[in-house]
Amino acid sequence: MMRSLSCLRSILLGLVLGVVVAGGSFSVAQTEGPKPLTNDDVVQMTKLGLGDAVVIAKIEQSEAIDFRLDVPDLERLKAEGVGSDVIAAMLKRATAPAAPPPPAAPAPARPLEGSVFLVGPDGGETALDMEPGTVSSTYAFVTVLIYSNFEGLKASVRTTERQPVLRLYTARAPKGRYFLVTAEQDKGDDVRSVKLGNMGWWANKRMNAPDKDNLIECEIVEKETGVWEYKPKKQLKPGEYGLWLLGDPGEMAGFGID
């Protein structure tokens, strides 16, 4: 009786192990890719009388192939009745070059040298036009006041940010060339004016750069090569502003704060 129970346990254990092994094998088979088309498959389709056109279509459509096409293999295929056109299709499929990778997405075009943008809270950029200026002068007792003027009392681009960030694209360091400035409204001439260094009897200030009264203290940081950001150190009042480029008569990328 004991021996019978022992034998029964052995049989049951063997059945359980067999199921586990079979289940494991089934799982592996499920994860494998498509079965490649082989020489034997081509021979079998030929003997079924499907016709060369059908066999060739199957060769061309199969996701994977595993053909053996050395000279002895070609002899065996011919001996099994595989037609020359089918063998040629096998050779063509086996030697076909791999599909080229999809072309890489083109890199976004970098803004032109000297482009200026107003940066929004979300990091988006709004382009500012670099406007050419004109020069005017006026006399104040013994001093000549020089102004760089820009058409219109208000810039077209507006923001409500009190410490707006300007992004400048230039390969050269901008310090001494680009200045963050206030632009005073001259309603009589319908222009925005930036006062430059003035000239007097005893001394001349730098005549081609903004006067200190119009300069705004700001942080200038190179975020990456050739990309500079200007940010005022203090909050600005509503009014007209711009990034002024050194020159004669100077240029300005203007914006306004509402």
Foldseek 3Di string as FASTA:
>chain_A
DVVVVVVVVVVVVVVVVVVVVVVVVVVVVVPDDDDAAELVNLLVCVVVVPDLVVSLVCLVPTPHHDYDDDPVSVVVSVVSPRDPVNSVSNVCSVPPDDDDDPDDDDDDDDDDAFWKWWADPVRDTDTFDWAAWAWDWDDDPQKIKIKTKDAAQAGPAEDQFQWIKMKHFHQDDCVPFKFKWAWCGDPVVRITIFIAFMDGDPDTDDRQHGDPVTGFDWDWDQPDRRMIMTTGPDGHDWHKIWIWGGDVNTITRIYTHD
